[in-house]
Amino acid sequence: MPIRWYGTGDNTDPLYRHYSRIVNFTLHAGAFVALSSGLWFVQSMRHPWNHLDLFSEIWFVALLIHLAVVVKRRPPADADSRES
């Protein structure tokens, strides 16, 4: 089920910013998976690329850092309790 935002797109809302960071992380992870797996597939079909493993490892570390930032900047639990 996709994430849906039912409120206004207010950049001052910490929960909205958190969901924005989650969406940015999933786009980053999707790009990593698509490009990295595509490059490894092309490498297996053609001549080897000597630095593909280093490229994938560096990008994976960047992805883990991005995940750590998303988790660390998560708003407190009381921020999601809104008044209706």
PDB file of N, CA and C in Angstrom:
ATOM      1  N   MET A   1       0.839  -1.159   0.000  1.00  0.00           N
ATOM      2  CA  MET A   1       0.000   0.000   0.000  1.00  0.00           C
ATOM      3  C   MET A   1       0.895   1.236   0.000  1.00  0.00           C
ATOM      4  N   PRO A   2       0.677   2.153  -0.922  1.00  0.00           N
ATOM      5  CA  PRO A   2       1.538   3.328  -0.993  1.00  0.00           C
ATOM      6  C   PRO A   2       1.270   4.294   0.158  1.00  0.00           C
ATOM      7  N   ILE A   3       2.284   5.089   0.444  1.00  0.00           N
ATOM      8  CA  ILE A   3       2.136   6.110   1.473  1.00  0.00           C
ATOM      9  C   ILE A   3       1.270   7.227   0.904  1.00  0.00           C
ATOM     10  N   ARG A   4       0.240   7.629   1.642  1.00  0.00           N
ATOM     11  CA  ARG A   4      -0.611   8.740   1.227  1.00  0.00           C
ATOM     12  C   ARG A   4      -0.546   9.808   2.286  1.00  0.00           C
ATOM     13  N   TRP A   5      -0.489  11.037   1.841  1.00  0.00           N
ATOM     14  CA  TRP A   5      -0.463  12.156   2.754  1.00  0.00           C
ATOM     15  C   TRP A   5      -1.794  12.876   2.648  1.00  0.00           C
ATOM     16  N   TYR A   6      -2.547  12.917   3.734  1.00  0.00           N
ATOM     17  CA  TYR A   6      -3.884  13.489   3.715  1.00  0.00           C
ATOM     18  C   TYR A   6      -3.913  14.941   4.190  1.00  0.00           C
ATOM     19  N   GLY A   7      -2.812  15.438   4.682  1.00  0.00           N
ATOM     20  CA  GLY A   7      -2.769  16.818   5.145  1.00  0.00           C
ATOM     21  C   GLY A   7      -2.260  17.732   4.040  1.00  0.00           C
ATOM     22  N   THR A   8      -2.009  18.969   4.420  1.00  0.00           N
ATOM     23  CA  THR A   8      -1.434  19.909   3.477  1.00  0.00           C
ATOM     24  C   THR A   8       0.067  19.685   3.408  1.00  0.00           C
ATOM     25  N   GLY A   9       0.666  20.066   2.330  1.00  0.00           N
ATOM     26  CA  GLY A   9       2.105  19.906   2.151  1.00  0.00           C
ATOM     27  C   GLY A   9       2.867  21.034   2.816  1.00  0.00           C
ATOM     28  N   ASP A  10       2.887  21.040   4.138  1.00  0.00           N
ATOM     29  CA  ASP A  10       3.522  22.101   4.901  1.00  0.00           C
ATOM     30  C   ASP A  10       4.930  21.675   5.300  1.00  0.00           C
ATOM     31  N   ASN A  11       5.942  22.390   4.809  1.00  0.00           N
ATOM     32  CA  ASN A  11       7.328  22.024   5.104  1.00  0.00           C
ATOM     33  C   ASN A  11       7.727  22.268   6.553  1.00  0.00           C
ATOM     34  N   THR A  12       6.905  22.972   7.311  1.00  0.00           N
ATOM     35  CA  THR A  12       7.222  23.174   8.716  1.00  0.00           C
ATOM     36  C   THR A  12       6.717  22.028   9.588  1.00  0.00           C
ATOM     37  N   ASP A  13       5.889  21.152   9.026  1.00  0.00           N
ATOM     38  CA  ASP A  13       5.355  20.001   9.763  1.00  0.00           C
ATOM     39  C   ASP A  13       6.437  18.919   9.828  1.00  0.00           C
ATOM     40  N   PRO A  14       6.867  18.509  11.036  1.00  0.00           N
ATOM     41  CA  PRO A  14       7.935  17.513  11.134  1.00  0.00           C
ATOM     42  C   PRO A  14       7.548  16.146  10.572  1.00  0.00           C
ATOM     43  N   LEU A  15       6.293  15.762  10.695  1.00  0.00           N
ATOM     44  CA  LEU A  15       5.867  14.473  10.147  1.00  0.00           C
ATOM     45  C   LEU A  15       5.892  14.492   8.612  1.00  0.00           C
ATOM     46  N   TYR A  16       5.500  15.606   8.031  1.00  0.00           N
ATOM     47  CA  TYR A  16       5.561  15.745   6.572  1.00  0.00           C
ATOM     48  C   TYR A  16       7.002  15.676   6.091  1.00  0.00           C
ATOM     49  N   ARG A  17       7.909  16.344   6.784  1.00  0.00           N
ATOM     50  CA  ARG A  17       9.324  16.291   6.397  1.00  0.00           C
ATOM     51  C   ARG A  17       9.872  14.881   6.542  1.00  0.00           C
ATOM     52  N   HIS A  18       9.427  14.148   7.576  1.00  0.00           N
ATOM     53  CA  HIS A  18       9.888  12.770   7.765  1.00  0.00           C
ATOM     54  C   HIS A  18       9.422  11.881   6.607  1.00  0.00           C
ATOM     55  N   TYR A  19       8.171  12.004   6.222  1.00  0.00           N
ATOM     56  CA  TYR A  19       7.690  11.218   5.080  1.00  0.00           C
ATOM     57  C   TYR A  19       8.407  11.621   3.801  1.00  0.00           C
ATOM     58  N   SER A  20       8.744  12.879   3.665  1.00  0.00           N
ATOM     59  CA  SER A  20       9.507  13.323   2.505  1.00  0.00           C
ATOM     60  C   SER A  20      10.888  12.669   2.484  1.00  0.00           C
ATOM     61  N   ARG A  21      11.530  12.575   3.645  1.00  0.00           N
ATOM     62  CA  ARG A  21      12.831  11.903   3.716  1.00  0.00           C
ATOM     63  C   ARG A  21      12.703  10.413   3.411  1.00  0.00           C
ATOM     64  N   ILE A  22      11.614   9.787   3.863  1.00  0.00           N
ATOM     65  CA  ILE A  22      11.400   8.367   3.567  1.00  0.00           C
ATOM     66  C   ILE A  22      11.231   8.154   2.062  1.00  0.00           C
ATOM     67  N   VAL A  23      10.449   9.000   1.428  1.00  0.00           N
ATOM     68  CA  VAL A  23      10.242   8.878  -0.023  1.00  0.00           C
ATOM     69  C   VAL A  23      11.559   9.091  -0.768  1.00  0.00           C
ATOM     70  N   ASN A  24      12.345  10.079  -0.344  1.00  0.00           N
ATOM     71  CA  ASN A  24      13.639  10.311  -0.984  1.00  0.00           C
ATOM     72  C   ASN A  24      14.564   9.109  -0.797  1.00  0.00           C
ATOM     73  N   PHE A  25      14.527   8.490   0.384  1.00  0.00           N
ATOM     74  CA  PHE A  25      15.355   7.312   0.607  1.00  0.00           C
ATOM     75  C   PHE A  25      14.921   6.147  -0.277  1.00  0.00           C
ATOM     76  N   THR A  26      13.614   5.931  -0.411  1.00  0.00           N
ATOM     77  CA  THR A  26      13.157   4.816  -1.254  1.00  0.00           C
ATOM     78  C   THR A  26      13.515   5.059  -2.716  1.00  0.00           C
ATOM     79  N   LEU A  27      13.480   6.309  -3.168  1.00  0.00           N
ATOM     80  CA  LEU A  27      13.924   6.607  -4.533  1.00  0.00           C
ATOM     81  C   LEU A  27      15.422   6.337  -4.682  1.00  0.00           C
ATOM     82  N   HIS A  28      16.201   6.707  -3.676  1.00  0.00           N
ATOM     83  CA  HIS A  28      17.634   6.445  -3.684  1.00  0.00           C
ATOM     84  C   HIS A  28      17.904   4.942  -3.720  1.00  0.00           C
ATOM     85  N   ALA A  29      17.197   4.190  -2.892  1.00  0.00           N
ATOM     86  CA  ALA A  29      17.387   2.736  -2.858  1.00  0.00           C
ATOM     87  C   ALA A  29      16.960   2.096  -4.179  1.00  0.00           C
ATOM     88  N   GLY A  30      15.853   2.558  -4.749  1.00  0.00           N
ATOM     89  CA  GLY A  30      15.407   2.019  -6.031  1.00  0.00           C
ATOM     90  C   GLY A  30      16.392   2.289  -7.145  1.00  0.00           C
ATOM     91  N   ALA A  31      16.961   3.491  -7.172  1.00  0.00           N
ATOM     92  CA  ALA A  31      17.968   3.810  -8.184  1.00  0.00           C
ATOM     93  C   ALA A  31      19.213   2.954  -7.991  1.00  0.00           C
ATOM     94  N   PHE A  32      19.606   2.750  -6.738  1.00  0.00           N
ATOM     95  CA  PHE A  32      20.770   1.902  -6.465  1.00  0.00           C
ATOM     96  C   PHE A  32      20.545   0.482  -6.955  1.00  0.00           C
ATOM     97  N   VAL A  33      19.408  -0.082  -6.621  1.00  0.00           N
ATOM     98  CA  VAL A  33      19.123  -1.468  -7.001  1.00  0.00           C
ATOM     99  C   VAL A  33      19.038  -1.602  -8.521  1.00  0.00           C
ATOM    100  N   ALA A  34      18.331  -0.689  -9.161  1.00  0.00           N
ATOM    101  CA  ALA A  34      18.158  -0.789 -10.606  1.00  0.00           C
ATOM    102  C   ALA A  34      19.482  -0.626 -11.351  1.00  0.00           C
ATOM    103  N   LEU A  35      20.233   0.403 -11.009  1.00  0.00           N
ATOM    104  CA  LEU A  35      21.476   0.650 -11.732  1.00  0.00           C
ATOM    105  C   LEU A  35      22.545  -0.378 -11.397  1.00  0.00           C
ATOM    106  N   SER A  36      22.669  -0.705 -10.131  1.00  0.00           N
ATOM    107  CA  SER A  36      23.701  -1.659  -9.741  1.00  0.00           C
ATOM    108  C   SER A  36      23.437  -3.048 -10.324  1.00  0.00           C
ATOM    109  N   SER A  37      22.210  -3.518 -10.226  1.00  0.00           N
ATOM    110  CA  SER A  37      21.921  -4.843 -10.780  1.00  0.00           C
ATOM    111  C   SER A  37      22.046  -4.843 -12.296  1.00  0.00           C
ATOM    112  N   GLY A  38      21.668  -3.749 -12.926  1.00  0.00           N
ATOM    113  CA  GLY A  38      21.835  -3.656 -14.387  1.00  0.00           C
ATOM    114  C   GLY A  38      23.297  -3.685 -14.785  1.00  0.00           C
ATOM    115  N   LEU A  39      24.138  -2.958 -14.054  1.00  0.00           N
ATOM    116  CA  LEU A  39      25.567  -2.963 -14.368  1.00  0.00           C
ATOM    117  C   LEU A  39      26.189  -4.335 -14.139  1.00  0.00           C
ATOM    118  N   TRP A  40      25.794  -5.014 -13.057  1.00  0.00           N
ATOM    119  CA  TRP A  40      26.335  -6.353 -12.808  1.00  0.00           C
ATOM    120  C   TRP A  40      25.872  -7.340 -13.874  1.00  0.00           C
ATOM    121  N   PHE A  41      24.638  -7.178 -14.360  1.00  0.00           N
ATOM    122  CA  PHE A  41      24.146  -8.046 -15.424  1.00  0.00           C
ATOM    123  C   PHE A  41      24.927  -7.814 -16.710  1.00  0.00           C
ATOM    124  N   VAL A  42      25.142  -6.551 -17.061  1.00  0.00           N
ATOM    125  CA  VAL A  42      25.907  -6.234 -18.275  1.00  0.00           C
ATOM    126  C   VAL A  42      27.338  -6.739 -18.135  1.00  0.00           C
ATOM    127  N   GLN A  43      27.907  -6.613 -16.945  1.00  0.00           N
ATOM    128  CA  GLN A  43      29.261  -7.105 -16.738  1.00  0.00           C
ATOM    129  C   GLN A  43      29.336  -8.612 -16.927  1.00  0.00           C
ATOM    130  N   SER A  44      28.333  -9.348 -16.482  1.00  0.00           N
ATOM    131  CA  SER A  44      28.364 -10.799 -16.632  1.00  0.00           C
ATOM    132  C   SER A  44      28.185 -11.226 -18.086  1.00  0.00           C
ATOM    133  N   MET A  45      27.569 -10.378 -18.896  1.00  0.00           N
ATOM    134  CA  MET A  45      27.360 -10.721 -20.304  1.00  0.00           C
ATOM    135  C   MET A  45      28.541 -10.293 -21.183  1.00  0.00           C
ATOM    136  N   ARG A  46      29.254  -9.273 -20.765  1.00  0.00           N
ATOM    137  CA  ARG A  46      30.359  -8.748 -21.568  1.00  0.00           C
ATOM    138  C   ARG A  46      31.658  -8.847 -20.783  1.00  0.00           C
ATOM    139  N   HIS A  47      32.619  -8.033 -21.131  1.00  0.00           N
ATOM    140  CA  HIS A  47      33.905  -8.081 -20.439  1.00  0.00           C
ATOM    141  C   HIS A  47      33.788  -7.506 -19.028  1.00  0.00           C
ATOM    142  N   PRO A  48      34.603  -7.979 -18.095  1.00  0.00           N
ATOM    143  CA  PRO A  48      34.502  -7.514 -16.700  1.00  0.00           C
ATOM    144  C   PRO A  48      34.963  -6.071 -16.542  1.00  0.00           C
ATOM    145  N   TRP A  49      34.293  -5.387 -15.643  1.00  0.00           N
ATOM    146  CA  TRP A  49      34.672  -4.030 -15.272  1.00  0.00           C
ATOM    147  C   TRP A  49      35.369  -4.142 -13.923  1.00  0.00           C
ATOM    148  N   ASN A  50      36.641  -3.763 -13.863  1.00  0.00           N
ATOM    149  CA  ASN A  50      37.465  -4.019 -12.685  1.00  0.00           C
ATOM    150  C   ASN A  50      36.993  -3.300 -11.433  1.00  0.00           C
ATOM    151  N   HIS A  51      36.373  -2.144 -11.558  1.00  0.00           N
ATOM    152  CA  HIS A  51      36.033  -1.342 -10.389  1.00  0.00           C
ATOM    153  C   HIS A  51      34.541  -1.339 -10.068  1.00  0.00           C
ATOM    154  N   LEU A  52      33.796  -2.269 -10.637  1.00  0.00           N
ATOM    155  CA  LEU A  52      32.355  -2.303 -10.378  1.00  0.00           C
ATOM    156  C   LEU A  52      32.050  -2.662  -8.928  1.00  0.00           C
ATOM    157  N   ASP A  53      32.827  -3.557  -8.345  1.00  0.00           N
ATOM    158  CA  ASP A  53      32.587  -3.911  -6.944  1.00  0.00           C
ATOM    159  C   ASP A  53      32.845  -2.720  -6.021  1.00  0.00           C
ATOM    160  N   LEU A  54      33.884  -1.944  -6.289  1.00  0.00           N
ATOM    161  CA  LEU A  54      34.164  -0.755  -5.490  1.00  0.00           C
ATOM    162  C   LEU A  54      33.060   0.291  -5.659  1.00  0.00           C
ATOM    163  N   PHE A  55      32.604   0.477  -6.886  1.00  0.00           N
ATOM    164  CA  PHE A  55      31.508   1.409  -7.158  1.00  0.00           C
ATOM    165  C   PHE A  55      30.255   1.014  -6.396  1.00  0.00           C
ATOM    166  N   SER A  56      29.904  -0.257  -6.439  1.00  0.00           N
ATOM    167  CA  SER A  56      28.708  -0.741  -5.737  1.00  0.00           C
ATOM    168  C   SER A  56      28.855  -0.625  -4.222  1.00  0.00           C
ATOM    169  N   GLU A  57      30.025  -0.933  -3.697  1.00  0.00           N
ATOM    170  CA  GLU A  57      30.243  -0.835  -2.260  1.00  0.00           C
ATOM    171  C   GLU A  57      30.166   0.604  -1.763  1.00  0.00           C
ATOM    172  N   ILE A  58      30.757   1.537  -2.498  1.00  0.00           N
ATOM    173  CA  ILE A  58      30.708   2.945  -2.094  1.00  0.00           C
ATOM    174  C   ILE A  58      29.278   3.453  -2.129  1.00  0.00           C
ATOM    175  N   TRP A  59      28.535   3.093  -3.179  1.00  0.00           N
ATOM    176  CA  TRP A  59      27.155   3.551  -3.266  1.00  0.00           C
ATOM    177  C   TRP A  59      26.297   2.911  -2.165  1.00  0.00           C
ATOM    178  N   PHE A  60      26.571   1.652  -1.838  1.00  0.00           N
ATOM    179  CA  PHE A  60      25.832   0.990  -0.767  1.00  0.00           C
ATOM    180  C   PHE A  60      26.115   1.653   0.587  1.00  0.00           C
ATOM    181  N   VAL A  61      27.350   2.045   0.825  1.00  0.00           N
ATOM    182  CA  VAL A  61      27.683   2.758   2.060  1.00  0.00           C
ATOM    183  C   VAL A  61      26.955   4.098   2.100  1.00  0.00           C
ATOM    184  N   ALA A  62      26.897   4.795   0.963  1.00  0.00           N
ATOM    185  CA  ALA A  62      26.150   6.056   0.900  1.00  0.00           C
ATOM    186  C   ALA A  62      24.665   5.813   1.178  1.00  0.00           C
ATOM    187  N   LEU A  63      24.133   4.704   0.698  1.00  0.00           N
ATOM    188  CA  LEU A  63      22.736   4.354   0.959  1.00  0.00           C
ATOM    189  C   LEU A  63      22.507   4.077   2.445  1.00  0.00           C
ATOM    190  N   LEU A  64      23.441   3.386   3.086  1.00  0.00           N
ATOM    191  CA  LEU A  64      23.326   3.136   4.529  1.00  0.00           C
ATOM    192  C   LEU A  64      23.421   4.431   5.333  1.00  0.00           C
ATOM    193  N   ILE A  65      24.273   5.350   4.906  1.00  0.00           N
ATOM    194  CA  ILE A  65      24.364   6.653   5.579  1.00  0.00           C
ATOM    195  C   ILE A  65      23.055   7.405   5.421  1.00  0.00           C
ATOM    196  N   HIS A  66      22.465   7.351   4.229  1.00  0.00           N
ATOM    197  CA  HIS A  66      21.173   7.997   3.992  1.00  0.00           C
ATOM    198  C   HIS A  66      20.104   7.398   4.903  1.00  0.00           C
ATOM    199  N   LEU A  67      20.090   6.092   5.049  1.00  0.00           N
ATOM    200  CA  LEU A  67      19.144   5.433   5.949  1.00  0.00           C
ATOM    201  C   LEU A  67      19.360   5.880   7.397  1.00  0.00           C
ATOM    202  N   ALA A  68      20.609   5.982   7.818  1.00  0.00           N
ATOM    203  CA  ALA A  68      20.903   6.416   9.186  1.00  0.00           C
ATOM    204  C   ALA A  68      20.414   7.841   9.426  1.00  0.00           C
ATOM    205  N   VAL A  69      20.559   8.700   8.429  1.00  0.00           N
ATOM    206  CA  VAL A  69      20.077  10.078   8.558  1.00  0.00           C
ATOM    207  C   VAL A  69      18.551  10.100   8.673  1.00  0.00           C
ATOM    208  N   VAL A  70      17.872   9.281   7.871  1.00  0.00           N
ATOM    209  CA  VAL A  70      16.407   9.234   7.928  1.00  0.00           C
ATOM    210  C   VAL A  70      15.946   8.750   9.296  1.00  0.00           C
ATOM    211  N   VAL A  71      16.578   7.724   9.826  1.00  0.00           N
ATOM    212  CA  VAL A  71      16.182   7.188  11.129  1.00  0.00           C
ATOM    213  C   VAL A  71      16.520   8.179  12.242  1.00  0.00           C
ATOM    214  N   LYS A  72      17.683   8.799  12.168  1.00  0.00           N
ATOM    215  CA  LYS A  72      18.102   9.726  13.223  1.00  0.00           C
ATOM    216  C   LYS A  72      17.225  10.976  13.260  1.00  0.00           C
ATOM    217  N   ARG A  73      16.761  11.452  12.112  1.00  0.00           N
ATOM    218  CA  ARG A  73      15.963  12.676  12.061  1.00  0.00           C
ATOM    219  C   ARG A  73      14.465  12.402  12.177  1.00  0.00           C
ATOM    220  N   ARG A  74      14.113  11.198  12.590  1.00  0.00           N
ATOM    221  CA  ARG A  74      12.711  10.856  12.791  1.00  0.00           C
ATOM    222  C   ARG A  74      12.121  11.740  13.885  1.00  0.00           C
ATOM    223  N   PRO A  75      10.914  12.266  13.671  1.00  0.00           N
ATOM    224  CA  PRO A  75      10.322  13.127  14.705  1.00  0.00           C
ATOM    225  C   PRO A  75       9.931  12.312  15.928  1.00  0.00           C
ATOM    226  N   PRO A  76       9.796  12.966  17.078  1.00  0.00           N
ATOM    227  CA  PRO A  76       9.378  12.239  18.276  1.00  0.00           C
ATOM    228  C   PRO A  76       7.977  11.650  18.114  1.00  0.00           C
ATOM    229  N   ALA A  77       7.675  10.672  18.930  1.00  0.00           N
ATOM    230  CA  ALA A  77       6.394   9.962  18.803  1.00  0.00           C
ATOM    231  C   ALA A  77       5.202  10.872  19.051  1.00  0.00           C
ATOM    232  N   ASP A  78       5.344  11.896  19.865  1.00  0.00           N
ATOM    233  CA  ASP A  78       4.210  12.778  20.140  1.00  0.00           C
ATOM    234  C   ASP A  78       3.950  13.772  19.013  1.00  0.00           C
ATOM    235  N   ALA A  79       4.821  13.854  18.029  1.00  0.00           N
ATOM    236  CA  ALA A  79       4.629  14.778  16.914  1.00  0.00           C
ATOM    237  C   ALA A  79       3.533  14.307  15.959  1.00  0.00           C
ATOM    238  N   ASP A  80       3.248  12.996  15.946  1.00  0.00           N
ATOM    239  CA  ASP A  80       2.218  12.504  15.027  1.00  0.00           C
ATOM    240  C   ASP A  80       0.813  12.556  15.610  1.00  0.00           C
ATOM    241  N   SER A  81       0.679  12.902  16.865  1.00  0.00           N
ATOM    242  CA  SER A  81      -0.666  13.028  17.437  1.00  0.00           C
ATOM    243  C   SER A  81      -1.195  14.426  17.097  1.00  0.00           C
ATOM    244  N   ARG A  82      -2.123  14.474  16.171  1.00  0.00           N
ATOM    245  CA  ARG A  82      -2.676  15.734  15.690  1.00  0.00           C
ATOM    246  C   ARG A  82      -4.040  15.966  16.273  1.00  0.00           C
ATOM    247  N   GLU A  83      -4.362  17.211  16.398  1.00  0.00           N
ATOM    248  CA  GLU A  83      -5.714  17.569  16.860  1.00  0.00           C
ATOM    249  C   GLU A  83      -6.622  17.615  15.665  1.00  0.00           C
ATOM    250  N   SER A  84      -7.775  16.993  15.759  1.00  0.00           N
ATOM    251  CA  SER A  84      -8.711  16.967  14.635  1.00  0.00           C
ATOM    252  C   SER A  84      -9.773  18.020  14.790  1.00  0.00           C
TER     253      SER A  84
END
